[in-house]
Amino acid sequence: MEKVQLNVNGFPQVVLVGSHETILETLRNRLNLTGTKQCCDEGTCGSCTVLMDGKPVLGCLTPTVRCVGKEIVTIEGVSSGDNLHPVQKQLVQNGGMQCGFCTPGVVMTAIPYLKENPDPSIDDIKEGLSGNLCRCTGYKKIIEAVKNAAEELNG
């Protein structure tokens, strides 16, 4: 076990981690931040996506020790109270979530995507979210929600 200091959602965290432990395992099992979902453990579904220095990374493939000195943001750090991020709000309003299992990964992928692509087409959004699998909605409502969030973010 190794003692590491992480910055998670703006707060310093000191934890003991195994040498092969992923940030997904650390977040869920040591810091009790269970909004980041554990699903495929192979990097194919996107449910474990978190932001590292503002960029989406797959938590199931990212060693915790690689996160030292980086700013980690999880779904719990996106909004506070009732002030949802526009992506979250539009997913709710557009019915873009059913079971909600993929939702954290979609949100954590869409937020930085929209920062880099403020006026995406539907095809652009499909490509931008292509690493996120959803087994419930058929994607149409998710894509519409992200398009509406882009419009909201652009005023």
N, C-alpha and C. Protein backbone atom coordinates (compact mmCIF):
# COMPACT_ATOMS: atom_id res chain seq x y z
N MET A 1 0.85 -1.18 0.00
CA MET A 1 0.00 0.00 0.00
C MET A 1 0.89 1.24 0.00
N GLU A 2 0.40 2.26 -0.70
CA GLU A 2 1.14 3.52 -0.80
C GLU A 2 0.21 4.66 -0.40
N LYS A 3 0.73 5.60 0.37
CA LYS A 3 -0.04 6.77 0.77
C LYS A 3 0.10 7.82 -0.32
N VAL A 4 -1.06 8.28 -0.86
CA VAL A 4 -1.04 9.30 -1.91
C VAL A 4 -2.00 10.44 -1.53
N GLN A 5 -1.69 11.62 -2.04
CA GLN A 5 -2.59 12.75 -1.87
C GLN A 5 -3.22 13.07 -3.21
N LEU A 6 -4.53 13.13 -3.22
CA LEU A 6 -5.30 13.43 -4.42
C LEU A 6 -6.08 14.71 -4.21
N ASN A 7 -6.41 15.37 -5.31
CA ASN A 7 -7.32 16.51 -5.28
C ASN A 7 -8.59 16.05 -5.99
N VAL A 8 -9.64 15.82 -5.21
CA VAL A 8 -10.88 15.29 -5.76
C VAL A 8 -12.01 16.29 -5.48
N ASN A 9 -12.60 16.78 -6.55
CA ASN A 9 -13.71 17.75 -6.45
C ASN A 9 -13.33 18.97 -5.63
N GLY A 10 -12.06 19.37 -5.76
CA GLY A 10 -11.58 20.57 -5.09
C GLY A 10 -11.12 20.38 -3.67
N PHE A 11 -11.11 19.14 -3.18
CA PHE A 11 -10.70 18.87 -1.80
C PHE A 11 -9.50 17.92 -1.79
N PRO A 12 -8.51 18.23 -0.95
CA PRO A 12 -7.38 17.29 -0.83
C PRO A 12 -7.83 16.03 -0.10
N GLN A 13 -7.36 14.90 -0.58
CA GLN A 13 -7.69 13.60 0.02
C GLN A 13 -6.41 12.81 0.15
N VAL A 14 -6.13 12.27 1.31
CA VAL A 14 -4.99 11.39 1.52
C VAL A 14 -5.53 9.99 1.72
N VAL A 15 -5.07 9.05 0.88
CA VAL A 15 -5.57 7.67 0.95
C VAL A 15 -4.42 6.69 0.76
N LEU A 16 -4.62 5.50 1.29
CA LEU A 16 -3.71 4.39 1.04
C LEU A 16 -4.26 3.60 -0.13
N VAL A 17 -3.43 3.37 -1.14
CA VAL A 17 -3.89 2.66 -2.33
C VAL A 17 -2.90 1.56 -2.69
N GLY A 18 -3.43 0.52 -3.33
CA GLY A 18 -2.59 -0.53 -3.85
C GLY A 18 -1.90 -0.07 -5.13
N SER A 19 -0.81 -0.72 -5.48
CA SER A 19 -0.02 -0.28 -6.63
C SER A 19 -0.77 -0.40 -7.96
N HIS A 20 -1.73 -1.30 -8.05
CA HIS A 20 -2.48 -1.49 -9.29
C HIS A 20 -3.92 -0.98 -9.18
N GLU A 21 -4.21 -0.25 -8.13
CA GLU A 21 -5.57 0.24 -7.90
C GLU A 21 -5.91 1.35 -8.89
N THR A 22 -7.12 1.30 -9.41
CA THR A 22 -7.57 2.34 -10.34
C THR A 22 -8.24 3.47 -9.59
N ILE A 23 -8.33 4.62 -10.25
CA ILE A 23 -9.02 5.75 -9.63
C ILE A 23 -10.49 5.42 -9.40
N LEU A 24 -11.07 4.60 -10.25
CA LEU A 24 -12.46 4.15 -10.04
C LEU A 24 -12.57 3.43 -8.70
N GLU A 25 -11.67 2.49 -8.44
CA GLU A 25 -11.71 1.75 -7.18
C GLU A 25 -11.48 2.67 -5.99
N THR A 26 -10.54 3.59 -6.12
CA THR A 26 -10.25 4.52 -5.04
C THR A 26 -11.45 5.41 -4.74
N LEU A 27 -12.06 5.95 -5.79
CA LEU A 27 -13.21 6.83 -5.60
C LEU A 27 -14.36 6.09 -4.91
N ARG A 28 -14.68 4.92 -5.41
CA ARG A 28 -15.84 4.18 -4.90
C ARG A 28 -15.57 3.53 -3.54
N ASN A 29 -14.41 2.87 -3.41
CA ASN A 29 -14.17 2.03 -2.23
C ASN A 29 -13.48 2.75 -1.08
N ARG A 30 -12.71 3.77 -1.38
CA ARG A 30 -11.98 4.45 -0.30
C ARG A 30 -12.56 5.82 0.03
N LEU A 31 -13.12 6.51 -0.99
CA LEU A 31 -13.64 7.86 -0.76
C LEU A 31 -15.17 7.89 -0.74
N ASN A 32 -15.80 6.75 -0.97
CA ASN A 32 -17.26 6.63 -0.95
C ASN A 32 -17.95 7.57 -1.93
N LEU A 33 -17.30 7.83 -3.07
CA LEU A 33 -17.90 8.62 -4.15
C LEU A 33 -18.41 7.62 -5.18
N THR A 34 -19.64 7.19 -4.99
CA THR A 34 -20.19 6.09 -5.79
C THR A 34 -20.97 6.55 -7.02
N GLY A 35 -20.96 7.84 -7.31
CA GLY A 35 -21.63 8.32 -8.51
C GLY A 35 -20.94 7.85 -9.77
N THR A 36 -19.63 7.69 -9.71
CA THR A 36 -18.88 7.13 -10.83
C THR A 36 -19.16 5.64 -10.85
N LYS A 37 -19.68 5.13 -11.96
CA LYS A 37 -20.16 3.75 -12.01
C LYS A 37 -19.10 2.77 -12.46
N GLN A 38 -19.16 1.58 -11.90
CA GLN A 38 -18.30 0.48 -12.29
C GLN A 38 -19.12 -0.48 -13.12
N CYS A 39 -18.69 -0.72 -14.34
CA CYS A 39 -19.48 -1.55 -15.23
C CYS A 39 -18.62 -2.59 -15.93
N CYS A 40 -17.98 -2.22 -17.03
CA CYS A 40 -17.29 -3.22 -17.87
C CYS A 40 -15.88 -3.56 -17.38
N ASP A 41 -15.23 -2.65 -16.68
CA ASP A 41 -13.83 -2.81 -16.25
C ASP A 41 -12.87 -3.08 -17.41
N GLU A 42 -13.27 -2.67 -18.61
CA GLU A 42 -12.43 -2.87 -19.80
C GLU A 42 -12.25 -1.59 -20.61
N GLY A 43 -12.87 -0.49 -20.17
CA GLY A 43 -12.74 0.77 -20.90
C GLY A 43 -13.62 0.87 -22.13
N THR A 44 -14.68 0.08 -22.20
CA THR A 44 -15.52 0.11 -23.40
C THR A 44 -16.87 0.78 -23.21
N CYS A 45 -17.31 1.00 -21.97
CA CYS A 45 -18.68 1.50 -21.78
C CYS A 45 -18.76 2.98 -21.41
N GLY A 46 -17.71 3.56 -20.83
CA GLY A 46 -17.71 4.97 -20.47
C GLY A 46 -18.39 5.31 -19.16
N SER A 47 -18.99 4.35 -18.47
CA SER A 47 -19.71 4.64 -17.23
C SER A 47 -18.82 5.16 -16.11
N CYS A 48 -17.53 4.88 -16.19
CA CYS A 48 -16.59 5.26 -15.13
C CYS A 48 -15.84 6.56 -15.44
N THR A 49 -16.29 7.31 -16.42
CA THR A 49 -15.57 8.51 -16.85
C THR A 49 -15.53 9.56 -15.75
N VAL A 50 -14.34 10.08 -15.50
CA VAL A 50 -14.12 11.21 -14.60
C VAL A 50 -13.25 12.21 -15.36
N LEU A 51 -13.14 13.40 -14.83
CA LEU A 51 -12.26 14.40 -15.45
C LEU A 51 -10.94 14.45 -14.69
N MET A 52 -9.85 14.44 -15.44
CA MET A 52 -8.53 14.61 -14.87
C MET A 52 -7.93 15.84 -15.57
N ASP A 53 -7.73 16.89 -14.78
CA ASP A 53 -7.28 18.17 -15.32
C ASP A 53 -8.18 18.62 -16.48
N GLY A 54 -9.49 18.40 -16.32
CA GLY A 54 -10.47 18.87 -17.28
C GLY A 54 -10.72 17.97 -18.46
N LYS A 55 -9.99 16.87 -18.57
CA LYS A 55 -10.13 15.95 -19.70
C LYS A 55 -10.77 14.65 -19.22
N PRO A 56 -11.68 14.08 -20.02
CA PRO A 56 -12.29 12.82 -19.60
C PRO A 56 -11.30 11.66 -19.67
N VAL A 57 -11.29 10.85 -18.62
CA VAL A 57 -10.49 9.62 -18.58
C VAL A 57 -11.37 8.50 -18.07
N LEU A 58 -11.04 7.29 -18.46
CA LEU A 58 -11.77 6.12 -18.00
C LEU A 58 -11.21 5.69 -16.65
N GLY A 59 -12.03 5.78 -15.63
CA GLY A 59 -11.59 5.47 -14.28
C GLY A 59 -11.16 4.03 -14.09
N CYS A 60 -11.75 3.12 -14.86
CA CYS A 60 -11.41 1.69 -14.70
C CYS A 60 -10.05 1.35 -15.29
N LEU A 61 -9.48 2.24 -16.09
CA LEU A 61 -8.18 1.99 -16.70
C LEU A 61 -7.07 2.92 -16.18
N THR A 62 -7.43 3.89 -15.36
CA THR A 62 -6.49 4.90 -14.92
C THR A 62 -5.98 4.58 -13.52
N PRO A 63 -4.68 4.28 -13.38
CA PRO A 63 -4.14 4.00 -12.05
C PRO A 63 -4.24 5.22 -11.15
N THR A 64 -4.59 4.98 -9.90
CA THR A 64 -4.71 6.08 -8.94
C THR A 64 -3.40 6.84 -8.82
N VAL A 65 -2.28 6.14 -8.82
CA VAL A 65 -0.99 6.83 -8.66
C VAL A 65 -0.72 7.80 -9.80
N ARG A 66 -1.34 7.60 -10.95
CA ARG A 66 -1.20 8.54 -12.08
C ARG A 66 -1.99 9.83 -11.84
N CYS A 67 -2.88 9.82 -10.86
CA CYS A 67 -3.74 10.98 -10.58
C CYS A 67 -3.16 11.93 -9.54
N VAL A 68 -2.03 11.56 -8.95
CA VAL A 68 -1.39 12.42 -7.96
C VAL A 68 -0.96 13.71 -8.66
N GLY A 69 -1.30 14.84 -8.04
CA GLY A 69 -0.94 16.13 -8.61
C GLY A 69 -1.90 16.62 -9.69
N LYS A 70 -2.94 15.87 -9.93
CA LYS A 70 -3.94 16.23 -10.93
C LYS A 70 -5.24 16.62 -10.23
N GLU A 71 -6.06 17.40 -10.92
CA GLU A 71 -7.39 17.75 -10.41
C GLU A 71 -8.38 16.73 -10.94
N ILE A 72 -8.97 15.97 -10.04
CA ILE A 72 -9.96 14.96 -10.40
C ILE A 72 -11.35 15.51 -10.08
N VAL A 73 -12.25 15.43 -11.05
CA VAL A 73 -13.64 15.83 -10.83
C VAL A 73 -14.52 14.64 -11.17
N THR A 74 -15.40 14.32 -10.23
CA THR A 74 -16.37 13.25 -10.42
C THR A 74 -17.74 13.88 -10.63
N ILE A 75 -18.73 13.06 -10.90
CA ILE A 75 -20.09 13.55 -11.07
C ILE A 75 -20.56 14.31 -9.82
N GLU A 76 -20.07 13.91 -8.65
CA GLU A 76 -20.46 14.61 -7.42
C GLU A 76 -19.92 16.04 -7.38
N GLY A 77 -18.87 16.32 -8.14
CA GLY A 77 -18.26 17.64 -8.13
C GLY A 77 -18.74 18.57 -9.23
N VAL A 78 -19.68 18.12 -10.06
CA VAL A 78 -20.14 18.92 -11.19
C VAL A 78 -21.07 20.04 -10.76
N SER A 79 -21.94 19.78 -9.82
CA SER A 79 -22.90 20.80 -9.39
C SER A 79 -23.08 20.72 -7.89
N SER A 80 -23.71 21.73 -7.34
CA SER A 80 -23.98 21.73 -5.91
C SER A 80 -25.45 22.03 -5.67
N GLY A 81 -26.04 21.28 -4.79
CA GLY A 81 -27.45 21.50 -4.46
C GLY A 81 -28.36 21.34 -5.66
N ASP A 82 -29.25 22.29 -5.82
CA ASP A 82 -30.22 22.25 -6.92
C ASP A 82 -29.70 22.90 -8.20
N ASN A 83 -28.48 23.42 -8.17
CA ASN A 83 -27.91 24.10 -9.33
C ASN A 83 -27.23 23.09 -10.26
N LEU A 84 -28.02 22.42 -11.07
CA LEU A 84 -27.48 21.43 -11.99
C LEU A 84 -26.74 22.11 -13.14
N HIS A 85 -25.72 21.43 -13.63
CA HIS A 85 -25.04 21.87 -14.85
C HIS A 85 -26.05 21.74 -15.98
N PRO A 86 -26.00 22.58 -17.01
CA PRO A 86 -26.95 22.48 -18.12
C PRO A 86 -27.03 21.08 -18.75
N VAL A 87 -25.94 20.35 -18.81
CA VAL A 87 -26.00 18.98 -19.34
C VAL A 87 -26.89 18.12 -18.45
N GLN A 88 -26.70 18.20 -17.15
CA GLN A 88 -27.52 17.43 -16.23
C GLN A 88 -28.99 17.84 -16.34
N LYS A 89 -29.22 19.14 -16.33
CA LYS A 89 -30.59 19.65 -16.39
C LYS A 89 -31.30 19.19 -17.66
N GLN A 90 -30.61 19.28 -18.78
CA GLN A 90 -31.23 18.89 -20.05
C GLN A 90 -31.46 17.38 -20.14
N LEU A 91 -30.58 16.58 -19.55
CA LEU A 91 -30.82 15.14 -19.52
C LEU A 91 -32.11 14.83 -18.75
N VAL A 92 -32.32 15.54 -17.65
CA VAL A 92 -33.55 15.34 -16.88
C VAL A 92 -34.76 15.82 -17.68
N GLN A 93 -34.69 17.03 -18.21
CA GLN A 93 -35.83 17.61 -18.91
C GLN A 93 -36.19 16.88 -20.20
N ASN A 94 -35.20 16.30 -20.86
CA ASN A 94 -35.43 15.64 -22.14
C ASN A 94 -35.62 14.13 -22.02
N GLY A 95 -35.66 13.62 -20.80
CA GLY A 95 -35.82 12.18 -20.63
C GLY A 95 -34.61 11.41 -21.12
N GLY A 96 -33.44 12.00 -21.03
CA GLY A 96 -32.22 11.39 -21.53
C GLY A 96 -31.58 10.42 -20.56
N MET A 97 -32.32 10.01 -19.56
CA MET A 97 -31.81 9.01 -18.62
C MET A 97 -32.97 8.16 -18.16
N GLN A 98 -32.73 6.88 -18.09
CA GLN A 98 -33.78 6.00 -17.59
C GLN A 98 -33.28 5.34 -16.32
N CYS A 99 -32.44 4.33 -16.44
CA CYS A 99 -31.93 3.71 -15.21
C CYS A 99 -30.89 4.60 -14.55
N GLY A 100 -30.24 5.46 -15.33
CA GLY A 100 -29.26 6.40 -14.79
C GLY A 100 -27.85 5.85 -14.66
N PHE A 101 -27.63 4.61 -15.01
CA PHE A 101 -26.32 4.00 -14.82
C PHE A 101 -25.26 4.64 -15.70
N CYS A 102 -25.59 4.93 -16.94
CA CYS A 102 -24.61 5.53 -17.86
C CYS A 102 -24.52 7.05 -17.69
N THR A 103 -25.50 7.64 -17.03
CA THR A 103 -25.62 9.09 -16.97
C THR A 103 -24.37 9.80 -16.45
N PRO A 104 -23.74 9.35 -15.36
CA PRO A 104 -22.53 10.06 -14.92
C PRO A 104 -21.44 10.10 -15.99
N GLY A 105 -21.24 9.00 -16.68
CA GLY A 105 -20.23 8.97 -17.74
C GLY A 105 -20.58 9.87 -18.90
N VAL A 106 -21.86 9.92 -19.25
CA VAL A 106 -22.31 10.80 -20.33
C VAL A 106 -22.07 12.25 -19.94
N VAL A 107 -22.44 12.61 -18.73
CA VAL A 107 -22.25 13.99 -18.25
C VAL A 107 -20.77 14.36 -18.25
N MET A 108 -19.93 13.46 -17.73
CA MET A 108 -18.51 13.76 -17.62
C MET A 108 -17.81 13.78 -18.98
N THR A 109 -18.41 13.17 -19.98
CA THR A 109 -17.89 13.25 -21.34
C THR A 109 -18.41 14.50 -22.04
N ALA A 110 -19.70 14.80 -21.85
CA ALA A 110 -20.34 15.90 -22.56
C ALA A 110 -19.83 17.27 -22.11
N ILE A 111 -19.57 17.45 -20.84
CA ILE A 111 -19.16 18.78 -20.35
C ILE A 111 -17.88 19.27 -21.03
N PRO A 112 -16.79 18.52 -20.99
CA PRO A 112 -15.59 19.03 -21.69
C PRO A 112 -15.76 19.04 -23.21
N TYR A 113 -16.57 18.11 -23.73
CA TYR A 113 -16.82 18.09 -25.17
C TYR A 113 -17.46 19.41 -25.61
N LEU A 114 -18.47 19.88 -24.87
CA LEU A 114 -19.15 21.11 -25.23
C LEU A 114 -18.28 22.34 -25.03
N LYS A 115 -17.31 22.27 -24.12
CA LYS A 115 -16.37 23.39 -23.97
C LYS A 115 -15.52 23.53 -25.23
N GLU A 116 -15.12 22.40 -25.81
CA GLU A 116 -14.29 22.42 -27.01
C GLU A 116 -15.10 22.56 -28.29
N ASN A 117 -16.38 22.20 -28.25
CA ASN A 117 -17.26 22.22 -29.41
C ASN A 117 -18.57 22.90 -29.03
N PRO A 118 -18.58 24.21 -28.93
CA PRO A 118 -19.75 24.91 -28.40
C PRO A 118 -21.00 24.85 -29.28
N ASP A 119 -20.86 24.58 -30.55
CA ASP A 119 -22.02 24.55 -31.44
C ASP A 119 -22.00 23.27 -32.29
N PRO A 120 -22.12 22.11 -31.64
CA PRO A 120 -21.99 20.86 -32.37
C PRO A 120 -23.27 20.49 -33.14
N SER A 121 -23.08 19.80 -34.24
CA SER A 121 -24.21 19.22 -34.95
C SER A 121 -24.61 17.92 -34.25
N ILE A 122 -25.74 17.37 -34.64
CA ILE A 122 -26.18 16.09 -34.08
C ILE A 122 -25.13 15.02 -34.36
N ASP A 123 -24.58 14.99 -35.58
CA ASP A 123 -23.55 14.01 -35.91
C ASP A 123 -22.28 14.21 -35.07
N ASP A 124 -21.94 15.47 -34.81
CA ASP A 124 -20.78 15.77 -33.96
C ASP A 124 -21.00 15.21 -32.55
N ILE A 125 -22.19 15.41 -32.03
CA ILE A 125 -22.51 14.92 -30.68
C ILE A 125 -22.45 13.40 -30.65
N LYS A 126 -22.99 12.75 -31.66
CA LYS A 126 -22.92 11.29 -31.72
C LYS A 126 -21.47 10.82 -31.65
N GLU A 127 -20.61 11.47 -32.42
CA GLU A 127 -19.18 11.12 -32.41
C GLU A 127 -18.55 11.41 -31.06
N GLY A 128 -18.88 12.57 -30.49
CA GLY A 128 -18.30 12.97 -29.21
C GLY A 128 -18.68 12.07 -28.05
N LEU A 129 -19.86 11.48 -28.13
CA LEU A 129 -20.33 10.60 -27.05
C LEU A 129 -20.16 9.12 -27.39
N SER A 130 -19.48 8.82 -28.48
CA SER A 130 -19.44 7.44 -28.98
C SER A 130 -18.81 6.44 -28.00
N GLY A 131 -18.05 6.89 -27.04
CA GLY A 131 -17.46 5.99 -26.07
C GLY A 131 -18.35 5.67 -24.89
N ASN A 132 -19.57 6.17 -24.90
CA ASN A 132 -20.52 5.95 -23.81
C ASN A 132 -21.65 5.05 -24.27
N LEU A 133 -21.78 3.92 -23.63
CA LEU A 133 -22.84 2.97 -23.98
C LEU A 133 -24.03 3.15 -23.04
N CYS A 134 -25.21 3.10 -23.62
CA CYS A 134 -26.46 3.17 -22.85
C CYS A 134 -27.33 2.00 -23.30
N ARG A 135 -27.86 1.29 -22.35
CA ARG A 135 -28.67 0.13 -22.68
C ARG A 135 -30.17 0.41 -22.55
N CYS A 136 -30.53 1.65 -22.24
CA CYS A 136 -31.95 1.95 -21.99
C CYS A 136 -32.60 2.89 -22.99
N THR A 137 -31.95 4.01 -23.31
CA THR A 137 -32.66 5.09 -24.00
C THR A 137 -32.61 5.05 -25.51
N GLY A 138 -31.70 4.31 -26.10
CA GLY A 138 -31.56 4.34 -27.55
C GLY A 138 -30.87 5.59 -28.06
N TYR A 139 -30.30 6.39 -27.19
CA TYR A 139 -29.43 7.54 -27.49
C TYR A 139 -30.14 8.79 -27.99
N LYS A 140 -31.28 8.69 -28.63
CA LYS A 140 -31.93 9.87 -29.23
C LYS A 140 -32.12 10.98 -28.19
N LYS A 141 -32.67 10.63 -27.05
CA LYS A 141 -32.94 11.65 -26.02
C LYS A 141 -31.66 12.18 -25.39
N ILE A 142 -30.65 11.34 -25.29
CA ILE A 142 -29.35 11.80 -24.76
C ILE A 142 -28.75 12.83 -25.71
N ILE A 143 -28.77 12.52 -26.99
CA ILE A 143 -28.19 13.42 -28.00
C ILE A 143 -28.96 14.74 -28.04
N GLU A 144 -30.29 14.66 -27.98
CA GLU A 144 -31.11 15.88 -27.95
C GLU A 144 -30.79 16.71 -26.71
N ALA A 145 -30.61 16.05 -25.57
CA ALA A 145 -30.30 16.76 -24.33
C ALA A 145 -28.96 17.48 -24.44
N VAL A 146 -27.95 16.83 -25.02
CA VAL A 146 -26.64 17.46 -25.16
C VAL A 146 -26.73 18.63 -26.14
N LYS A 147 -27.50 18.48 -27.21
CA LYS A 147 -27.70 19.58 -28.16
C LYS A 147 -28.36 20.77 -27.47
N ASN A 148 -29.40 20.50 -26.67
CA ASN A 148 -30.09 21.56 -25.93
C ASN A 148 -29.16 22.21 -24.89
N ALA A 149 -28.30 21.40 -24.27
CA ALA A 149 -27.34 21.96 -23.30
C ALA A 149 -26.36 22.88 -24.01
N ALA A 150 -25.93 22.50 -25.21
CA ALA A 150 -25.03 23.37 -25.98
C ALA A 150 -25.70 24.71 -26.25
N GLU A 151 -26.96 24.67 -26.65
CA GLU A 151 -27.69 25.90 -26.92
C GLU A 151 -27.85 26.74 -25.66
N GLU A 152 -28.13 26.08 -24.54
CA GLU A 152 -28.26 26.80 -23.27
C GLU A 152 -26.94 27.43 -22.86
N LEU A 153 -25.85 26.70 -23.00
CA LEU A 153 -24.53 27.22 -22.62
C LEU A 153 -24.14 28.41 -23.51
N ASN A 154 -24.64 28.43 -24.74
CA ASN A 154 -24.31 29.53 -25.66
C ASN A 154 -25.25 30.71 -25.53
N GLY A 155 -26.21 30.61 -24.60
CA GLY A 155 -27.11 31.72 -24.35
C GLY A 155 -28.20 31.79 -25.35
